[in-house]
Amino acid sequence: MLKANQIMGINLWFVVRFDVTNTKRLIEDMSIEERKRFDFDIESINWEHYIKSVHIPGVRKHLLRQPPAAKL
């Protein structure tokens, strides 16, 4: 669970929880060939890193047109 008051200058007033249940079900329903072709391990994602280093900077750059901020 990612908790923060502020991430890269953006004030947060909520707690984020990532639920991968549906993704796990989808992977379970895939054939062995599909699993090999779309090699995807949902458990390997570091959500805190993704939000702080990928998602928020992308929103700031592409949607808000703000300059890059210093990394946390």
PDB file of N, CA and C in Angstrom:
ATOM      1  N   MET A   1       0.842  -1.176   0.000  1.00  0.00           N
ATOM      2  CA  MET A   1       0.000   0.000   0.000  1.00  0.00           C
ATOM      3  C   MET A   1       0.889   1.241   0.000  1.00  0.00           C
ATOM      4  N   LEU A   2       0.613   2.148  -0.888  1.00  0.00           N
ATOM      5  CA  LEU A   2       1.389   3.372  -1.003  1.00  0.00           C
ATOM      6  C   LEU A   2       0.665   4.478  -0.266  1.00  0.00           C
ATOM      7  N   LYS A   3       1.330   5.056   0.721  1.00  0.00           N
ATOM      8  CA  LYS A   3       0.751   6.160   1.485  1.00  0.00           C
ATOM      9  C   LYS A   3       1.693   7.349   1.375  1.00  0.00           C
ATOM     10  N   ALA A   4       1.140   8.506   1.135  1.00  0.00           N
ATOM     11  CA  ALA A   4       1.990   9.700   1.068  1.00  0.00           C
ATOM     12  C   ALA A   4       1.145  10.936   1.209  1.00  0.00           C
ATOM     13  N   ASN A   5       1.727  11.967   1.781  1.00  0.00           N
ATOM     14  CA  ASN A   5       1.066  13.266   1.836  1.00  0.00           C
ATOM     15  C   ASN A   5       1.369  14.050   0.569  1.00  0.00           C
ATOM     16  N   GLN A   6       2.563  13.838   0.033  1.00  0.00           N
ATOM     17  CA  GLN A   6       2.948  14.561  -1.161  1.00  0.00           C
ATOM     18  C   GLN A   6       3.915  13.707  -1.971  1.00  0.00           C
ATOM     19  N   ILE A   7       3.660  13.618  -3.267  1.00  0.00           N
ATOM     20  CA  ILE A   7       4.562  12.911  -4.176  1.00  0.00           C
ATOM     21  C   ILE A   7       4.913  13.884  -5.289  1.00  0.00           C
ATOM     22  N   MET A   8       6.199  14.191  -5.404  1.00  0.00           N
ATOM     23  CA  MET A   8       6.718  15.075  -6.440  1.00  0.00           C
ATOM     24  C   MET A   8       5.913  16.361  -6.553  1.00  0.00           C
ATOM     25  N   GLY A   9       5.585  16.952  -5.417  1.00  0.00           N
ATOM     26  CA  GLY A   9       4.905  18.233  -5.415  1.00  0.00           C
ATOM     27  C   GLY A   9       3.404  18.161  -5.578  1.00  0.00           C
ATOM     28  N   ILE A  10       2.858  16.948  -5.725  1.00  0.00           N
ATOM     29  CA  ILE A  10       1.409  16.803  -5.877  1.00  0.00           C
ATOM     30  C   ILE A  10       0.846  16.325  -4.549  1.00  0.00           C
ATOM     31  N   ASN A  11      -0.051  17.100  -3.963  1.00  0.00           N
ATOM     32  CA  ASN A  11      -0.640  16.725  -2.681  1.00  0.00           C
ATOM     33  C   ASN A  11      -1.621  15.574  -2.865  1.00  0.00           C
ATOM     34  N   LEU A  12      -1.507  14.585  -2.000  1.00  0.00           N
ATOM     35  CA  LEU A  12      -2.411  13.439  -2.028  1.00  0.00           C
ATOM     36  C   LEU A  12      -3.249  13.432  -0.764  1.00  0.00           C
ATOM     37  N   TRP A  13      -4.484  13.069  -0.880  1.00  0.00           N
ATOM     38  CA  TRP A  13      -5.376  13.004   0.269  1.00  0.00           C
ATOM     39  C   TRP A  13      -6.050  11.637   0.340  1.00  0.00           C
ATOM     40  N   PHE A  14      -5.394  10.626  -0.222  1.00  0.00           N
ATOM     41  CA  PHE A  14      -5.969   9.291  -0.224  1.00  0.00           C
ATOM     42  C   PHE A  14      -4.870   8.250  -0.077  1.00  0.00           C
ATOM     43  N   VAL A  15      -5.267   7.035   0.198  1.00  0.00           N
ATOM     44  CA  VAL A  15      -4.360   5.892   0.276  1.00  0.00           C
ATOM     45  C   VAL A  15      -4.632   5.021  -0.942  1.00  0.00           C
ATOM     46  N   VAL A  16      -3.583   4.552  -1.578  1.00  0.00           N
ATOM     47  CA  VAL A  16      -3.726   3.757  -2.785  1.00  0.00           C
ATOM     48  C   VAL A  16      -3.502   2.287  -2.447  1.00  0.00           C
ATOM     49  N   ARG A  17      -4.399   1.450  -2.936  1.00  0.00           N
ATOM     50  CA  ARG A  17      -4.261   0.001  -2.755  1.00  0.00           C
ATOM     51  C   ARG A  17      -4.414  -0.635  -4.125  1.00  0.00           C
ATOM     52  N   PHE A  18      -3.487  -1.505  -4.471  1.00  0.00           N
ATOM     53  CA  PHE A  18      -3.510  -2.151  -5.771  1.00  0.00           C
ATOM     54  C   PHE A  18      -4.046  -3.565  -5.617  1.00  0.00           C
ATOM     55  N   ASP A  19      -5.085  -3.868  -6.351  1.00  0.00           N
ATOM     56  CA  ASP A  19      -5.711  -5.188  -6.315  1.00  0.00           C
ATOM     57  C   ASP A  19      -5.445  -5.873  -7.647  1.00  0.00           C
ATOM     58  N   VAL A  20      -4.747  -6.983  -7.610  1.00  0.00           N
ATOM     59  CA  VAL A  20      -4.368  -7.691  -8.828  1.00  0.00           C
ATOM     60  C   VAL A  20      -5.192  -8.956  -9.039  1.00  0.00           C
ATOM     61  N   THR A  21      -6.294  -9.097  -8.330  1.00  0.00           N
ATOM     62  CA  THR A  21      -7.125 -10.301  -8.407  1.00  0.00           C
ATOM     63  C   THR A  21      -7.577 -10.594  -9.833  1.00  0.00           C
ATOM     64  N   ASN A  22      -8.117  -9.611 -10.514  1.00  0.00           N
ATOM     65  CA  ASN A  22      -8.617  -9.835 -11.876  1.00  0.00           C
ATOM     66  C   ASN A  22      -7.496 -10.171 -12.847  1.00  0.00           C
ATOM     67  N   THR A  23      -6.343  -9.554 -12.672  1.00  0.00           N
ATOM     68  CA  THR A  23      -5.202  -9.852 -13.540  1.00  0.00           C
ATOM     69  C   THR A  23      -4.737 -11.282 -13.324  1.00  0.00           C
ATOM     70  N   LYS A  24      -4.703 -11.715 -12.062  1.00  0.00           N
ATOM     71  CA  LYS A  24      -4.317 -13.098 -11.773  1.00  0.00           C
ATOM     72  C   LYS A  24      -5.299 -14.078 -12.405  1.00  0.00           C
ATOM     73  N   ARG A  25      -6.583 -13.772 -12.340  1.00  0.00           N
ATOM     74  CA  ARG A  25      -7.598 -14.636 -12.969  1.00  0.00           C
ATOM     75  C   ARG A  25      -7.392 -14.719 -14.476  1.00  0.00           C
ATOM     76  N   LEU A  26      -7.112 -13.586 -15.082  1.00  0.00           N
ATOM     77  CA  LEU A  26      -6.875 -13.557 -16.525  1.00  0.00           C
ATOM     78  C   LEU A  26      -5.686 -14.440 -16.887  1.00  0.00           C
ATOM     79  N   ILE A  27      -4.606 -14.327 -16.146  1.00  0.00           N
ATOM     80  CA  ILE A  27      -3.416 -15.138 -16.413  1.00  0.00           C
ATOM     81  C   ILE A  27      -3.726 -16.622 -16.230  1.00  0.00           C
ATOM     82  N   GLU A  28      -4.492 -16.962 -15.205  1.00  0.00           N
ATOM     83  CA  GLU A  28      -4.871 -18.359 -14.970  1.00  0.00           C
ATOM     84  C   GLU A  28      -5.687 -18.926 -16.115  1.00  0.00           C
ATOM     85  N   ASP A  29      -6.487 -18.091 -16.771  1.00  0.00           N
ATOM     86  CA  ASP A  29      -7.329 -18.539 -17.885  1.00  0.00           C
ATOM     87  C   ASP A  29      -6.567 -18.661 -19.201  1.00  0.00           C
ATOM     88  N   MET A  30      -5.347 -18.177 -19.233  1.00  0.00           N
ATOM     89  CA  MET A  30      -4.548 -18.241 -20.456  1.00  0.00           C
ATOM     90  C   MET A  30      -3.987 -19.638 -20.663  1.00  0.00           C
ATOM     91  N   SER A  31      -3.804 -20.010 -21.920  1.00  0.00           N
ATOM     92  CA  SER A  31      -3.158 -21.288 -22.227  1.00  0.00           C
ATOM     93  C   SER A  31      -1.667 -21.173 -21.907  1.00  0.00           C
ATOM     94  N   ILE A  32      -0.990 -22.302 -21.857  1.00  0.00           N
ATOM     95  CA  ILE A  32       0.450 -22.301 -21.586  1.00  0.00           C
ATOM     96  C   ILE A  32       1.177 -21.517 -22.676  1.00  0.00           C
ATOM     97  N   GLU A  33       0.737 -21.671 -23.923  1.00  0.00           N
ATOM     98  CA  GLU A  33       1.345 -20.940 -25.031  1.00  0.00           C
ATOM     99  C   GLU A  33       1.167 -19.427 -24.851  1.00  0.00           C
ATOM    100  N   GLU A  34      -0.028 -19.023 -24.444  1.00  0.00           N
ATOM    101  CA  GLU A  34      -0.283 -17.590 -24.215  1.00  0.00           C
ATOM    102  C   GLU A  34       0.554 -17.062 -23.062  1.00  0.00           C
ATOM    103  N   ARG A  35       0.677 -17.859 -22.009  1.00  0.00           N
ATOM    104  CA  ARG A  35       1.490 -17.426 -20.866  1.00  0.00           C
ATOM    105  C   ARG A  35       2.941 -17.214 -21.263  1.00  0.00           C
ATOM    106  N   LYS A  36       3.466 -18.096 -22.131  1.00  0.00           N
ATOM    107  CA  LYS A  36       4.846 -17.939 -22.603  1.00  0.00           C
ATOM    108  C   LYS A  36       4.964 -16.709 -23.497  1.00  0.00           C
ATOM    109  N   ARG A  37       3.969 -16.517 -24.357  1.00  0.00           N
ATOM    110  CA  ARG A  37       4.007 -15.399 -25.308  1.00  0.00           C
ATOM    111  C   ARG A  37       3.889 -14.049 -24.604  1.00  0.00           C
ATOM    112  N   PHE A  38       3.011 -13.977 -23.602  1.00  0.00           N
ATOM    113  CA  PHE A  38       2.778 -12.728 -22.875  1.00  0.00           C
ATOM    114  C   PHE A  38       3.353 -12.827 -21.472  1.00  0.00           C
ATOM    115  N   ASP A  39       4.611 -13.189 -21.379  1.00  0.00           N
ATOM    116  CA  ASP A  39       5.294 -13.385 -20.096  1.00  0.00           C
ATOM    117  C   ASP A  39       5.084 -12.152 -19.209  1.00  0.00           C
ATOM    118  N   PHE A  40       4.244 -12.302 -18.214  1.00  0.00           N
ATOM    119  CA  PHE A  40       3.842 -11.170 -17.385  1.00  0.00           C
ATOM    120  C   PHE A  40       3.641 -11.641 -15.961  1.00  0.00           C
ATOM    121  N   ASP A  41       4.448 -11.125 -15.048  1.00  0.00           N
ATOM    122  CA  ASP A  41       4.353 -11.496 -13.632  1.00  0.00           C
ATOM    123  C   ASP A  41       3.886 -10.287 -12.838  1.00  0.00           C
ATOM    124  N   ILE A  42       2.611 -10.236 -12.535  1.00  0.00           N
ATOM    125  CA  ILE A  42       2.006  -9.104 -11.829  1.00  0.00           C
ATOM    126  C   ILE A  42       2.643  -8.903 -10.447  1.00  0.00           C
ATOM    127  N   GLU A  43       3.121  -9.964  -9.864  1.00  0.00           N
ATOM    128  CA  GLU A  43       3.720  -9.884  -8.526  1.00  0.00           C
ATOM    129  C   GLU A  43       5.072  -9.166  -8.547  1.00  0.00           C
ATOM    130  N   SER A  44       5.690  -9.062  -9.732  1.00  0.00           N
ATOM    131  CA  SER A  44       7.025  -8.462  -9.803  1.00  0.00           C
ATOM    132  C   SER A  44       6.991  -6.931  -9.901  1.00  0.00           C
ATOM    133  N   ILE A  45       5.817  -6.350 -10.052  1.00  0.00           N
ATOM    134  CA  ILE A  45       5.721  -4.897 -10.200  1.00  0.00           C
ATOM    135  C   ILE A  45       5.911  -4.211  -8.853  1.00  0.00           C
ATOM    136  N   ASN A  46       6.816  -3.267  -8.820  1.00  0.00           N
ATOM    137  CA  ASN A  46       7.041  -2.443  -7.634  1.00  0.00           C
ATOM    138  C   ASN A  46       6.148  -1.209  -7.810  1.00  0.00           C
ATOM    139  N   TRP A  47       4.950  -1.249  -7.239  1.00  0.00           N
ATOM    140  CA  TRP A  47       3.957  -0.209  -7.469  1.00  0.00           C
ATOM    141  C   TRP A  47       4.404   1.160  -6.966  1.00  0.00           C
ATOM    142  N   GLU A  48       5.080   1.194  -5.846  1.00  0.00           N
ATOM    143  CA  GLU A  48       5.531   2.480  -5.316  1.00  0.00           C
ATOM    144  C   GLU A  48       6.506   3.133  -6.299  1.00  0.00           C
ATOM    145  N   HIS A  49       7.457   2.347  -6.804  1.00  0.00           N
ATOM    146  CA  HIS A  49       8.398   2.867  -7.798  1.00  0.00           C
ATOM    147  C   HIS A  49       7.655   3.319  -9.050  1.00  0.00           C
ATOM    148  N   TYR A  50       6.719   2.504  -9.520  1.00  0.00           N
ATOM    149  CA  TYR A  50       5.978   2.848 -10.742  1.00  0.00           C
ATOM    150  C   TYR A  50       5.233   4.176 -10.582  1.00  0.00           C
ATOM    151  N   ILE A  51       4.511   4.326  -9.473  1.00  0.00           N
ATOM    152  CA  ILE A  51       3.733   5.556  -9.267  1.00  0.00           C
ATOM    153  C   ILE A  51       4.660   6.767  -9.161  1.00  0.00           C
ATOM    154  N   LYS A  52       5.700   6.643  -8.337  1.00  0.00           N
ATOM    155  CA  LYS A  52       6.598   7.790  -8.101  1.00  0.00           C
ATOM    156  C   LYS A  52       7.482   8.118  -9.303  1.00  0.00           C
ATOM    157  N   SER A  53       7.999   7.100  -9.981  1.00  0.00           N
ATOM    158  CA  SER A  53       9.027   7.328 -11.001  1.00  0.00           C
ATOM    159  C   SER A  53       8.515   7.274 -12.435  1.00  0.00           C
ATOM    160  N   VAL A  54       7.316   6.740 -12.652  1.00  0.00           N
ATOM    161  CA  VAL A  54       6.807   6.604 -14.012  1.00  0.00           C
ATOM    162  C   VAL A  54       5.484   7.352 -14.188  1.00  0.00           C
ATOM    163  N   HIS A  55       4.480   6.982 -13.404  1.00  0.00           N
ATOM    164  CA  HIS A  55       3.134   7.519 -13.599  1.00  0.00           C
ATOM    165  C   HIS A  55       3.039   9.020 -13.301  1.00  0.00           C
ATOM    166  N   ILE A  56       3.432   9.426 -12.103  1.00  0.00           N
ATOM    167  CA  ILE A  56       3.328  10.844 -11.713  1.00  0.00           C
ATOM    168  C   ILE A  56       4.185  11.727 -12.628  1.00  0.00           C
ATOM    169  N   PRO A  57       5.448  11.360 -12.912  1.00  0.00           N
ATOM    170  CA  PRO A  57       6.218  12.195 -13.834  1.00  0.00           C
ATOM    171  C   PRO A  57       5.574  12.283 -15.224  1.00  0.00           C
ATOM    172  N   GLY A  58       4.980  11.187 -15.694  1.00  0.00           N
ATOM    173  CA  GLY A  58       4.306  11.210 -16.985  1.00  0.00           C
ATOM    174  C   GLY A  58       3.092  12.118 -16.994  1.00  0.00           C
ATOM    175  N   VAL A  59       2.319  12.087 -15.925  1.00  0.00           N
ATOM    176  CA  VAL A  59       1.159  12.973 -15.803  1.00  0.00           C
ATOM    177  C   VAL A  59       1.616  14.427 -15.783  1.00  0.00           C
ATOM    178  N   ARG A  60       2.660  14.692 -14.997  1.00  0.00           N
ATOM    179  CA  ARG A  60       3.163  16.075 -14.915  1.00  0.00           C
ATOM    180  C   ARG A  60       3.664  16.562 -16.268  1.00  0.00           C
ATOM    181  N   LYS A  61       4.404  15.718 -16.974  1.00  0.00           N
ATOM    182  CA  LYS A  61       5.004  16.124 -18.248  1.00  0.00           C
ATOM    183  C   LYS A  61       3.968  16.247 -19.364  1.00  0.00           C
ATOM    184  N   HIS A  62       3.145  15.214 -19.534  1.00  0.00           N
ATOM    185  CA  HIS A  62       2.283  15.142 -20.707  1.00  0.00           C
ATOM    186  C   HIS A  62       0.901  15.766 -20.513  1.00  0.00           C
ATOM    187  N   LEU A  63       0.369  15.723 -19.310  1.00  0.00           N
ATOM    188  CA  LEU A  63      -0.960  16.291 -19.084  1.00  0.00           C
ATOM    189  C   LEU A  63      -0.908  17.694 -18.499  1.00  0.00           C
ATOM    190  N   LEU A  64      -0.042  17.891 -17.515  1.00  0.00           N
ATOM    191  CA  LEU A  64       0.036  19.185 -16.847  1.00  0.00           C
ATOM    192  C   LEU A  64       1.067  20.118 -17.488  1.00  0.00           C
ATOM    193  N   ARG A  65       1.883  19.563 -18.407  1.00  0.00           N
ATOM    194  CA  ARG A  65       2.923  20.336 -19.094  1.00  0.00           C
ATOM    195  C   ARG A  65       3.866  21.045 -18.126  1.00  0.00           C
ATOM    196  N   GLN A  66       4.223  20.329 -17.055  1.00  0.00           N
ATOM    197  CA  GLN A  66       5.146  20.875 -16.066  1.00  0.00           C
ATOM    198  C   GLN A  66       6.554  20.323 -16.336  1.00  0.00           C
ATOM    199  N   PRO A  67       7.576  21.047 -15.916  1.00  0.00           N
ATOM    200  CA  PRO A  67       8.945  20.538 -16.076  1.00  0.00           C
ATOM    201  C   PRO A  67       9.175  19.360 -15.126  1.00  0.00           C
ATOM    202  N   PRO A  68      10.134  18.507 -15.455  1.00  0.00           N
ATOM    203  CA  PRO A  68      10.436  17.383 -14.565  1.00  0.00           C
ATOM    204  C   PRO A  68      10.820  17.869 -13.170  1.00  0.00           C
ATOM    205  N   ALA A  69      10.389  17.134 -12.154  1.00  0.00           N
ATOM    206  CA  ALA A  69      10.729  17.468 -10.771  1.00  0.00           C
ATOM    207  C   ALA A  69      11.835  16.551 -10.291  1.00  0.00           C
ATOM    208  N   ALA A  70      12.465  16.939  -9.199  1.00  0.00           N
ATOM    209  CA  ALA A  70      13.514  16.105  -8.607  1.00  0.00           C
ATOM    210  C   ALA A  70      12.898  14.791  -8.143  1.00  0.00           C
ATOM    211  N   LYS A  71      13.668  13.717  -8.234  1.00  0.00           N
ATOM    212  CA  LYS A  71      13.194  12.410  -7.795  1.00  0.00           C
ATOM    213  C   LYS A  71      13.071  12.374  -6.289  1.00  0.00           C
ATOM    214  N   LEU A  72      12.123  11.562  -5.808  1.00  0.00           N
ATOM    215  CA  LEU A  72      11.929  11.412  -4.362  1.00  0.00           C
ATOM    216  C   LEU A  72      12.952  10.473  -3.798  1.00  0.00           C
TER     217      LEU A  72
END
